[in-house]
Amino acid sequence: MAMEQTAVSPLQLYQLRRLPVGMTESSHLSNAYLTEPEKMDSVLAYAFGTQNKTVLSMLTGGIGNTKTIENREYKWDLHGMNEQSVPISSDPVGSSATPGIGGTPFKVKFGDKFFQVTDNLVSDSGTLVRVQAEPYPEGSDWVYELVLTDPDATKFMDPADIAPGARFSKDFSSVEEFSIKGGGTNFTAPMTLTNQLTTLRKHYTVTRSAATDVMVIEMTADDGQKTRLWTKLAEWTAIAQWYKEIDRAMLYSIYNKDPKGVVTLQGENKRPVFHGAGLRQQISPANVRYYSSLTYSILDNFLLDLSYSANRWGGDHKFVALTGKMGMREFHRAVVAEQNAQGVTVTDNGTFISGTGQELTFQGQFTTVKFLNGIELTVKEFSEYDDIVRNRQLHPVSKKPLESYRFTILNFGRKNGQSNIRKVVKKNSDNAMWHVAGSTTPFGDVAKSVSTMRSSGIDGYQVHMLTECGVQLEDPTSSGELIMRLN
């Protein structure tokens, strides 16, 4: 069944002490999983995600960003830009204080044969030159003969523009009448990225006497029709923890094949335990930056840099940042400080101030900001960064987890109908769930006859959950992280 975005709004969760009339075995959550597994995965990911418990699951599988594969390992190509600026590799051939003056040719060296005769190039300062002859090799360099295209005989090339490290890029190729050929076409070989799925598993036991409380999920579809599913409260608690563990794996997991392709981590039966790279490991190291005091300018400049790569994803510059409670505050304060610096006054407009007379209330918090160039950032509270059990390094002043100040900025742009970030699952190996019956089953039927066969002698039942999943960040260069550093 194809994954689709589930209509789950409004969605209501409520607890009951006993199973209400009309809620039969057919409406048990496990049966809904059996008949529509992808849809239920979307529903549950959304349900927990709206409570800030499993935000990653909501932003991927919860809204239909899921890819199904046949094997454990998956690969994809990352295509770079066919246009690029090429650095000067060595000192120019010959020395002159006025290279190119009077239209005289001059020679420079590049490390690659990226340009060809007829190509018009532009220097760092914007000076235009034309390649007059095919480049030839000299040692590890390629020698290019250039000439200024400006007819002014007094003009010459700034020596700094042809010093090692200076760059040139191509504008176009120009030719004469009866020419032999034009400029060439540059092709950049794609980079192949590899990841693998992680097999996650969880189980829980429910005693016969504890299997009483019921959790109900009530959904209203777009047409107004309501669907009510139910599960035992113990099952619901376990599923909530299950989705939280999936979120953690999608974020924190570290790729564990060594350079030879061997996994040394083993399980109890001595078979390898495969771990795929989570989102944080997949983000380009070049896009990890640090701050000590968050400002609007820091966000603006960082997002502008990320937007250049995001152009490859349909020009969608709507970023989502996962952060903790302290990051949410830092973001709000940075925006308010920018407002004050710009002389913006907050007035009684029904948004930040409510009430009348002496009963005024100041309220509201910035969660989305639209920057210049159509760039937009929405901050989403991510409970994992506030988890004081896992994040034990504290800020010396606030005494809150230092991780709570982290911003994991993700680009969810779409290209050719696919999201830049998506959950990856193995076919028929996602959301497996089964129970082992003892004295009772998840549906409440207690065994009362010696002829009743059960799989376990436990006074209750067990439920097992398993998934083989991972996450794919198609373009690691269009997402980034902003991390607080104390010194």
Protein backbone atom coordinates (compact mmCIF):
# COMPACT_ATOMS: atom_id res chain seq x y z
CA MET A 1 0.00 0.00 0.00
CA ALA A 2 1.40 3.39 -0.90
CA MET A 3 2.11 5.73 1.96
CA GLU A 4 -0.18 8.74 2.08
CA GLN A 5 -0.62 11.65 4.38
CA THR A 6 -3.29 10.66 6.86
CA ALA A 7 -6.10 13.02 7.69
CA VAL A 8 -5.69 13.10 11.45
CA SER A 9 -7.04 16.49 12.33
CA PRO A 10 -8.71 16.80 14.71
CA LEU A 11 -7.27 13.87 16.64
CA GLN A 12 -8.30 13.16 20.24
CA LEU A 13 -6.72 10.82 22.76
CA TYR A 14 -8.50 9.87 25.99
CA GLN A 15 -8.24 7.23 28.69
CA LEU A 16 -11.07 5.01 29.93
CA ARG A 17 -11.23 2.58 32.84
CA ARG A 18 -12.96 -0.08 30.83
CA LEU A 19 -13.73 -0.91 27.24
CA PRO A 20 -16.83 1.02 26.10
CA VAL A 21 -19.74 -0.61 24.33
CA GLY A 22 -19.21 -0.90 20.60
CA MET A 23 -15.42 -1.16 20.76
CA THR A 24 -14.81 -4.65 19.45
CA GLU A 25 -11.72 -6.67 18.58
CA SER A 26 -11.98 -5.42 15.00
CA SER A 27 -11.31 -1.86 16.17
CA HIS A 28 -8.28 -2.79 18.26
CA LEU A 29 -5.16 -0.90 17.26
CA SER A 30 -3.32 -4.08 16.25
CA ASN A 31 -6.05 -4.97 13.75
CA ALA A 32 -5.83 -1.49 12.24
CA TYR A 33 -2.10 -2.09 11.89
CA LEU A 34 -2.83 -5.38 10.17
CA THR A 35 -5.20 -3.92 7.58
CA GLU A 36 -3.55 -0.52 6.98
CA PRO A 37 -0.02 -0.60 8.46
CA GLU A 38 1.35 2.44 6.62
CA LYS A 39 -1.68 4.51 7.49
CA MET A 40 -1.48 3.59 11.15
CA ASP A 41 2.22 4.37 11.25
CA SER A 42 1.33 7.81 9.95
CA VAL A 43 -1.43 8.24 12.53
CA LEU A 44 0.72 7.23 15.49
CA ALA A 45 3.74 9.23 14.36
CA TYR A 46 1.48 12.26 14.07
CA ALA A 47 -0.22 11.59 17.41
CA PHE A 48 3.03 11.42 19.34
CA GLY A 49 4.70 14.11 17.24
CA THR A 50 2.05 16.70 18.01
CA GLN A 51 2.91 16.16 21.68
CA ASN A 52 6.60 16.89 20.84
CA LYS A 53 7.46 13.30 21.76
CA THR A 54 8.44 11.92 18.36
CA VAL A 55 8.98 14.91 16.12
CA LEU A 56 11.24 13.18 13.59
CA SER A 57 8.77 10.36 13.06
CA MET A 58 6.03 12.93 12.51
CA LEU A 59 8.09 14.97 10.02
CA THR A 60 8.97 11.86 8.01
CA GLY A 61 6.60 8.88 8.18
CA GLY A 62 3.89 10.93 9.87
CA ILE A 63 3.36 13.06 6.76
CA GLY A 64 4.12 10.43 4.17
CA ASN A 65 7.87 10.95 3.65
CA THR A 66 8.74 7.24 3.59
CA LYS A 67 10.76 5.18 1.13
CA THR A 68 10.49 1.38 0.97
CA ILE A 69 13.49 -0.67 -0.16
CA GLU A 70 14.25 -4.36 -0.69
CA ASN A 71 17.67 -4.61 0.97
CA ARG A 72 19.36 -3.52 4.16
CA GLU A 73 21.84 -1.22 2.42
CA TYR A 74 20.78 1.72 0.29
CA LYS A 75 22.76 4.13 -1.86
CA TRP A 76 22.05 7.38 -3.65
CA ASP A 77 23.96 9.87 -5.78
CA LEU A 78 24.60 13.44 -4.72
CA HIS A 79 25.13 15.57 -7.81
CA GLY A 80 27.35 18.59 -7.41
CA MET A 81 27.32 21.78 -9.45
CA ASN A 82 28.55 21.54 -13.02
CA GLU A 83 29.65 25.14 -12.72
CA GLN A 84 32.41 25.96 -10.28
CA SER A 85 35.14 28.43 -9.56
CA VAL A 86 38.64 27.04 -10.11
CA PRO A 87 41.63 28.28 -8.09
CA ILE A 88 44.95 29.40 -9.50
CA SER A 89 47.36 26.60 -8.50
CA SER A 90 50.79 28.25 -8.92
CA ASP A 91 52.51 31.54 -9.61
CA PRO A 92 51.83 32.97 -13.11
CA VAL A 93 54.24 32.27 -15.96
CA GLY A 94 56.60 35.27 -16.04
CA SER A 95 56.37 38.29 -13.77
CA SER A 96 54.77 41.60 -14.60
CA ALA A 97 53.31 44.43 -12.58
CA THR A 98 50.77 45.04 -15.37
CA PRO A 99 49.82 41.62 -16.85
CA GLY A 100 47.63 41.87 -19.94
CA ILE A 101 48.12 45.59 -20.50
CA GLY A 102 47.53 46.72 -24.07
CA GLY A 103 45.78 43.45 -24.92
CA THR A 104 48.95 41.35 -24.57
CA PRO A 105 48.45 37.67 -23.66
CA PHE A 106 49.58 36.41 -20.26
CA LYS A 107 49.73 32.90 -18.82
CA VAL A 108 48.41 31.44 -15.58
CA LYS A 109 48.27 27.95 -14.08
CA PHE A 110 45.29 25.91 -12.90
CA GLY A 111 45.38 22.48 -11.28
CA ASP A 112 42.66 21.10 -13.61
CA LYS A 113 41.81 21.26 -17.26
CA PHE A 114 38.37 22.63 -16.49
CA PHE A 115 38.28 25.47 -19.05
CA GLN A 116 38.85 25.35 -22.81
CA VAL A 117 39.82 27.69 -25.65
CA THR A 118 37.00 30.22 -26.44
CA ASP A 119 35.87 30.27 -22.77
CA ASN A 120 35.34 33.69 -21.23
CA LEU A 121 36.33 33.73 -17.57
CA VAL A 122 35.77 36.14 -14.71
CA SER A 123 38.22 36.79 -11.88
CA ASP A 124 37.46 37.38 -8.20
CA SER A 125 37.37 41.14 -8.78
CA GLY A 126 35.14 40.78 -11.84
CA THR A 127 37.76 41.27 -14.58
CA LEU A 128 36.83 39.46 -17.82
CA VAL A 129 39.36 37.44 -19.81
CA ARG A 130 39.21 34.96 -22.71
CA VAL A 131 41.12 31.67 -23.07
CA GLN A 132 43.09 32.11 -26.32
CA ALA A 133 44.57 28.63 -26.77
CA GLU A 134 44.06 25.11 -25.55
CA PRO A 135 45.75 24.65 -22.18
CA TYR A 136 48.81 22.41 -22.01
CA PRO A 137 50.23 20.42 -19.08
CA GLU A 138 53.30 21.46 -17.17
CA GLY A 139 54.13 19.17 -14.27
CA SER A 140 50.96 18.83 -12.20
CA ASP A 141 49.49 22.10 -13.54
CA TRP A 142 47.75 23.23 -16.72
CA VAL A 143 48.97 26.41 -18.38
CA TYR A 144 46.33 28.78 -19.82
CA GLU A 145 46.93 31.69 -22.15
CA LEU A 146 44.52 34.53 -21.34
CA VAL A 147 43.78 37.97 -22.75
CA LEU A 148 41.64 40.80 -21.36
CA THR A 149 38.44 41.38 -23.33
CA ASP A 150 38.21 45.07 -22.39
CA PRO A 151 39.41 47.14 -25.45
CA ASP A 152 40.86 49.84 -23.18
CA ALA A 153 44.65 49.55 -23.78
CA THR A 154 45.43 51.00 -20.35
CA LYS A 155 43.65 48.20 -18.48
CA PHE A 156 45.58 45.28 -17.00
CA MET A 157 44.92 42.35 -14.69
CA ASP A 158 45.34 42.95 -10.97
CA PRO A 159 48.24 40.68 -9.93
CA ALA A 160 46.23 39.62 -6.85
CA ASP A 161 43.62 38.11 -9.21
CA ILE A 162 46.16 35.66 -10.65
CA ALA A 163 48.04 34.82 -7.45
CA PRO A 164 47.80 31.24 -6.09
CA GLY A 165 44.40 30.68 -4.51
CA ALA A 166 42.58 33.32 -6.56
CA ARG A 167 39.65 31.91 -8.51
CA PHE A 168 38.12 32.09 -11.98
CA SER A 169 34.76 30.89 -13.24
CA LYS A 170 33.29 30.65 -16.72
CA ASP A 171 30.65 33.05 -18.05
CA PHE A 172 30.28 31.93 -21.68
CA SER A 173 32.19 30.93 -24.84
CA SER A 174 32.63 33.37 -27.74
CA VAL A 175 33.93 32.52 -31.24
CA GLU A 176 34.80 34.16 -34.54
CA GLU A 177 33.14 33.60 -37.92
CA PHE A 178 33.97 30.27 -39.57
CA SER A 179 35.09 28.92 -36.19
CA ILE A 180 36.11 25.31 -35.72
CA LYS A 181 34.43 24.64 -32.35
CA GLY A 182 32.88 26.29 -29.36
CA GLY A 183 33.32 25.91 -25.62
CA GLY A 184 33.04 22.54 -23.99
CA THR A 185 30.44 21.18 -21.61
CA ASN A 186 31.51 20.36 -18.06
CA PHE A 187 30.20 17.29 -16.31
CA THR A 188 30.73 16.62 -12.63
CA ALA A 189 30.65 12.99 -11.52
CA PRO A 190 28.12 12.45 -8.71
CA MET A 191 29.18 11.43 -5.23
CA THR A 192 27.68 8.14 -4.07
CA LEU A 193 26.41 8.08 -0.48
CA THR A 194 25.70 4.85 1.39
CA ASN A 195 23.67 4.01 4.48
CA GLN A 196 22.11 0.93 6.02
CA LEU A 197 19.00 0.11 8.01
CA THR A 198 18.96 -0.55 11.74
CA THR A 199 16.79 -3.33 13.16
CA LEU A 200 15.04 -2.13 16.31
CA ARG A 201 13.02 -4.30 18.63
CA LYS A 202 11.01 -3.94 21.85
CA HIS A 203 8.69 -6.06 23.99
CA TYR A 204 6.54 -5.63 27.06
CA THR A 205 4.49 -7.79 29.38
CA VAL A 206 1.00 -7.07 30.68
CA THR A 207 -0.40 -8.97 33.65
CA ARG A 208 -3.96 -10.23 33.64
CA SER A 209 -5.02 -7.94 36.48
CA ALA A 210 -3.31 -4.88 34.94
CA ALA A 211 -4.94 -5.28 31.52
CA THR A 212 -7.97 -3.13 32.29
CA ASP A 213 -7.38 0.53 31.43
CA VAL A 214 -8.08 1.50 27.82
CA MET A 215 -6.69 4.26 25.61
CA VAL A 216 -8.93 5.48 22.78
CA ILE A 217 -7.75 7.22 19.61
CA GLU A 218 -10.56 9.14 17.97
CA MET A 219 -9.97 10.60 14.53
CA THR A 220 -12.22 12.80 12.43
CA ALA A 221 -11.62 12.58 8.68
CA ASP A 222 -12.05 15.47 6.25
CA ASP A 223 -15.59 14.30 5.46
CA GLY A 224 -16.54 14.44 9.14
CA GLN A 225 -16.66 10.67 9.63
CA LYS A 226 -15.21 9.50 12.95
CA THR A 227 -13.10 6.43 13.60
CA ARG A 228 -12.40 5.15 17.10
CA LEU A 229 -9.56 2.75 17.76
CA TRP A 230 -8.65 1.36 21.15
CA THR A 231 -5.72 -0.29 22.89
CA LYS A 232 -4.77 -1.16 26.44
CA LEU A 233 -3.10 1.67 28.32
CA ALA A 234 -0.01 -0.51 28.88
CA GLU A 235 0.21 -1.09 25.13
CA TRP A 236 -0.16 2.62 24.43
CA THR A 237 2.63 3.44 26.91
CA ALA A 238 4.90 0.88 25.25
CA ILE A 239 4.11 2.17 21.76
CA ALA A 240 4.88 5.73 22.89
CA GLN A 241 8.28 4.57 24.15
CA TRP A 242 8.75 2.57 20.93
CA TYR A 243 8.28 5.61 18.71
CA LYS A 244 10.60 7.60 20.96
CA GLU A 245 13.32 4.96 20.50
CA ILE A 246 12.79 5.05 16.72
CA ASP A 247 13.21 8.83 16.83
CA ARG A 248 16.44 8.47 18.76
CA ALA A 249 17.82 5.93 16.31
CA MET A 250 16.93 8.18 13.37
CA LEU A 251 18.81 11.05 15.01
CA TYR A 252 21.75 9.61 16.96
CA SER A 253 22.64 6.30 15.32
CA ILE A 254 26.26 5.98 14.06
CA TYR A 255 27.12 4.01 10.90
CA ASN A 256 29.10 1.00 12.13
CA LYS A 257 30.70 -0.61 9.08
CA ASP A 258 34.46 -0.18 9.12
CA PRO A 259 36.40 0.86 5.98
CA LYS A 260 36.54 -2.80 4.93
CA GLY A 261 32.76 -3.13 5.14
CA VAL A 262 32.85 -5.28 8.28
CA VAL A 263 30.54 -4.90 11.29
CA THR A 264 32.28 -6.06 14.46
CA LEU A 265 29.34 -5.39 16.81
CA GLN A 266 27.62 -8.70 17.52
CA GLY A 267 24.41 -9.80 19.17
CA GLU A 268 23.75 -12.72 21.52
CA ASN A 269 23.67 -15.21 18.65
CA LYS A 270 27.01 -13.85 17.32
CA ARG A 271 25.40 -12.32 14.23
CA PRO A 272 26.32 -8.71 13.32
CA VAL A 273 24.21 -5.85 14.66
CA PHE A 274 23.91 -3.24 11.90
CA HIS A 275 23.60 0.45 12.73
CA GLY A 276 22.82 3.04 10.06
CA ALA A 277 23.87 6.69 10.13
CA GLY A 278 21.32 8.94 11.81
CA LEU A 279 20.49 12.45 10.71
CA ARG A 280 23.18 14.14 12.78
CA GLN A 281 25.95 12.01 11.30
CA GLN A 282 24.65 12.61 7.77
CA ILE A 283 24.72 16.41 8.01
CA SER A 284 27.78 17.82 6.28
CA PRO A 285 30.54 18.66 8.82
CA ALA A 286 31.05 21.94 6.96
CA ASN A 287 27.56 22.96 8.07
CA VAL A 288 28.18 22.57 11.81
CA ARG A 289 28.65 25.97 13.45
CA TYR A 290 28.84 27.27 17.00
CA TYR A 291 27.48 30.25 18.93
CA SER A 292 27.81 31.63 22.43
CA SER A 293 24.95 34.12 22.20
CA LEU A 294 22.33 33.60 19.51
CA THR A 295 21.53 36.59 17.34
CA TYR A 296 19.23 37.26 14.42
CA SER A 297 22.29 37.91 12.26
CA ILE A 298 23.80 34.50 13.06
CA LEU A 299 20.58 32.79 11.98
CA ASP A 300 20.20 34.96 8.89
CA ASN A 301 23.75 34.35 7.63
CA PHE A 302 23.68 30.61 8.34
CA LEU A 303 20.33 30.08 6.63
CA LEU A 304 21.50 32.11 3.64
CA ASP A 305 24.45 29.75 3.25
CA LEU A 306 22.17 26.70 3.50
CA SER A 307 19.78 28.19 0.96
CA TYR A 308 22.38 27.93 -1.81
CA SER A 309 22.32 24.14 -1.50
CA ALA A 310 18.56 24.14 -0.92
CA ASN A 311 18.15 25.63 -4.40
CA ARG A 312 18.67 22.11 -5.71
CA TRP A 313 15.42 21.17 -3.95
CA GLY A 314 13.02 23.33 -5.85
CA GLY A 315 14.16 26.55 -4.23
CA ASP A 316 12.18 25.61 -1.11
CA HIS A 317 13.80 27.62 1.65
CA LYS A 318 11.44 26.62 4.45
CA PHE A 319 13.70 25.12 7.09
CA VAL A 320 12.69 23.33 10.29
CA ALA A 321 14.96 23.51 13.33
CA LEU A 322 14.71 20.90 16.06
CA THR A 323 15.67 22.44 19.38
CA GLY A 324 14.99 22.22 23.10
CA LYS A 325 13.08 24.52 25.41
CA MET A 326 16.12 26.74 25.89
CA GLY A 327 16.69 26.92 22.14
CA MET A 328 13.08 28.02 21.72
CA ARG A 329 13.76 30.83 24.19
CA GLU A 330 17.04 31.81 22.52
CA PHE A 331 15.25 32.00 19.17
CA HIS A 332 12.47 34.18 20.57
CA ARG A 333 14.91 36.52 22.29
CA ALA A 334 17.02 36.88 19.14
CA VAL A 335 13.94 37.89 17.15
CA VAL A 336 12.76 40.34 19.83
CA ALA A 337 16.25 41.88 20.00
CA GLU A 338 16.18 42.38 16.23
CA GLN A 339 12.75 44.01 16.55
CA ASN A 340 14.09 46.42 19.14
CA ALA A 341 17.15 47.20 17.03
CA GLN A 342 14.91 48.00 14.06
CA GLY A 343 12.71 50.24 16.19
CA VAL A 344 9.64 47.99 15.87
CA THR A 345 7.06 48.63 18.61
CA VAL A 346 4.73 45.86 19.77
CA THR A 347 1.21 47.30 20.08
CA ASP A 348 -2.20 46.01 21.12
CA ASN A 349 -2.91 44.06 17.94
CA GLY A 350 -4.55 41.02 19.50
CA THR A 351 -1.43 38.91 19.12
CA PHE A 352 1.00 39.81 21.89
CA ILE A 353 -1.29 41.85 24.14
CA SER A 354 -4.76 40.80 25.25
CA GLY A 355 -7.27 42.22 27.69
CA THR A 356 -8.29 45.79 28.43
CA GLY A 357 -7.65 48.45 31.02
CA GLN A 358 -5.63 47.15 33.95
CA GLU A 359 -6.15 43.51 32.90
CA LEU A 360 -3.58 43.44 30.09
CA THR A 361 -1.64 40.25 29.41
CA PHE A 362 1.58 40.10 27.41
CA GLN A 363 1.78 36.78 25.63
CA GLY A 364 3.11 34.96 22.58
CA GLN A 365 6.35 33.42 21.38
CA PHE A 366 8.02 33.57 18.01
CA THR A 367 8.30 30.13 16.39
CA THR A 368 8.55 31.10 12.70
CA VAL A 369 10.50 33.91 11.08
CA LYS A 370 10.67 34.90 7.41
CA PHE A 371 14.12 36.21 6.53
CA LEU A 372 15.23 37.95 3.34
CA ASN A 373 15.36 36.08 0.01
CA GLY A 374 12.25 34.04 0.86
CA ILE A 375 14.06 32.07 3.57
CA GLU A 376 11.83 30.82 6.36
CA LEU A 377 12.69 29.06 9.61
CA THR A 378 10.29 27.29 11.97
CA VAL A 379 11.60 26.09 15.31
CA LYS A 380 10.08 22.88 16.67
CA GLU A 381 10.45 21.86 20.28
CA PHE A 382 12.23 18.52 20.37
CA SER A 383 11.88 16.67 23.66
CA GLU A 384 15.03 14.60 23.09
CA TYR A 385 17.20 17.69 23.53
CA ASP A 386 15.53 18.39 26.90
CA ASP A 387 15.89 14.86 28.22
CA ILE A 388 17.89 15.33 31.44
CA VAL A 389 18.49 11.60 31.70
CA ARG A 390 20.37 11.43 28.39
CA ASN A 391 21.75 14.98 28.27
CA ARG A 392 23.72 15.33 31.48
CA GLN A 393 25.99 18.23 30.49
CA LEU A 394 24.37 21.34 31.94
CA HIS A 395 24.68 25.02 31.10
CA PRO A 396 26.69 26.63 33.94
CA VAL A 397 24.19 29.45 34.40
CA SER A 398 20.75 28.08 33.54
CA LYS A 399 21.56 24.55 34.80
CA LYS A 400 19.51 23.22 31.89
CA PRO A 401 20.86 20.61 29.45
CA LEU A 402 23.41 22.17 27.12
CA GLU A 403 21.84 20.10 24.35
CA SER A 404 18.62 22.07 24.84
CA TYR A 405 20.37 25.01 23.15
CA ARG A 406 21.22 23.03 19.99
CA PHE A 407 19.50 23.79 16.66
CA THR A 408 19.40 20.93 14.14
CA ILE A 409 18.30 22.79 11.00
CA LEU A 410 16.69 20.53 8.39
CA ASN A 411 15.68 21.22 4.80
CA PHE A 412 12.48 19.34 3.95
CA GLY A 413 12.33 20.69 0.39
CA ARG A 414 10.90 18.44 -2.31
CA LYS A 415 12.20 17.57 -5.78
CA ASN A 416 10.42 15.36 -8.29
CA GLY A 417 7.82 14.57 -5.64
CA GLN A 418 10.38 13.34 -3.10
CA SER A 419 11.36 14.96 0.17
CA ASN A 420 15.00 15.76 0.91
CA ILE A 421 14.58 13.94 4.24
CA ARG A 422 12.64 10.71 4.50
CA LYS A 423 12.28 7.62 6.57
CA VAL A 424 13.55 4.45 4.88
CA VAL A 425 12.07 1.04 5.69
CA LYS A 426 12.61 -2.49 4.45
CA LYS A 427 9.68 -4.06 2.65
CA ASN A 428 7.54 -6.22 4.98
CA SER A 429 9.91 -5.46 7.87
CA ASP A 430 8.45 -2.22 9.16
CA ASN A 431 6.13 -2.05 12.17
CA ALA A 432 6.02 -5.79 12.77
CA MET A 433 3.94 -6.50 15.87
CA TRP A 434 2.73 -9.73 17.48
CA HIS A 435 1.64 -11.08 20.87
CA VAL A 436 2.39 -14.22 22.86
CA ALA A 437 -0.72 -15.20 24.80
CA GLY A 438 -0.59 -16.52 28.36
CA SER A 439 -3.60 -16.55 30.64
CA THR A 440 -5.11 -13.76 28.56
CA THR A 441 -4.66 -11.93 25.23
CA PRO A 442 -4.54 -8.24 24.33
CA PHE A 443 -8.26 -8.45 23.63
CA GLY A 444 -9.22 -9.46 27.17
CA ASP A 445 -10.30 -13.06 26.60
CA VAL A 446 -9.06 -15.00 29.63
CA ALA A 447 -8.45 -18.73 29.11
CA LYS A 448 -10.97 -20.73 31.18
CA SER A 449 -10.67 -24.20 29.75
CA VAL A 450 -7.98 -26.85 29.70
CA SER A 451 -8.66 -27.18 25.99
CA THR A 452 -7.48 -23.60 25.43
CA MET A 453 -3.94 -23.68 24.04
CA ARG A 454 -1.60 -20.81 24.80
CA SER A 455 2.04 -20.14 23.90
CA SER A 456 3.17 -19.09 27.36
CA GLY A 457 2.43 -19.97 30.96
CA ILE A 458 2.64 -16.33 32.06
CA ASP A 459 -0.39 -14.88 33.85
CA GLY A 460 -0.90 -12.22 31.22
CA TYR A 461 0.52 -11.75 27.73
CA GLN A 462 3.55 -10.34 25.91
CA VAL A 463 3.66 -8.04 22.89
CA HIS A 464 6.70 -7.79 20.57
CA MET A 465 7.49 -4.98 18.15
CA LEU A 466 10.15 -4.87 15.44
CA THR A 467 11.14 -2.52 12.65
CA GLU A 468 14.00 -2.32 10.18
CA CYS A 469 14.34 1.34 9.34
CA GLY A 470 16.66 4.26 8.79
CA VAL A 471 16.68 7.84 7.58
CA GLN A 472 17.98 9.38 4.36
CA LEU A 473 19.23 12.93 4.07
CA GLU A 474 19.41 13.20 0.30
CA ASP A 475 21.52 16.35 0.28
CA PRO A 476 23.75 16.65 3.39
CA THR A 477 24.85 20.14 2.33
CA SER A 478 21.42 21.75 2.66
CA SER A 479 20.96 21.06 6.40
CA GLY A 480 23.11 22.13 9.32
CA GLU A 481 23.57 22.41 13.06
CA LEU A 482 24.01 25.42 15.30
CA ILE A 483 25.51 24.41 18.63
CA MET A 484 26.09 26.45 21.76
CA ARG A 485 29.72 26.57 22.82
CA LEU A 486 30.61 27.92 26.24
CA ASN A 487 34.14 29.08 25.42
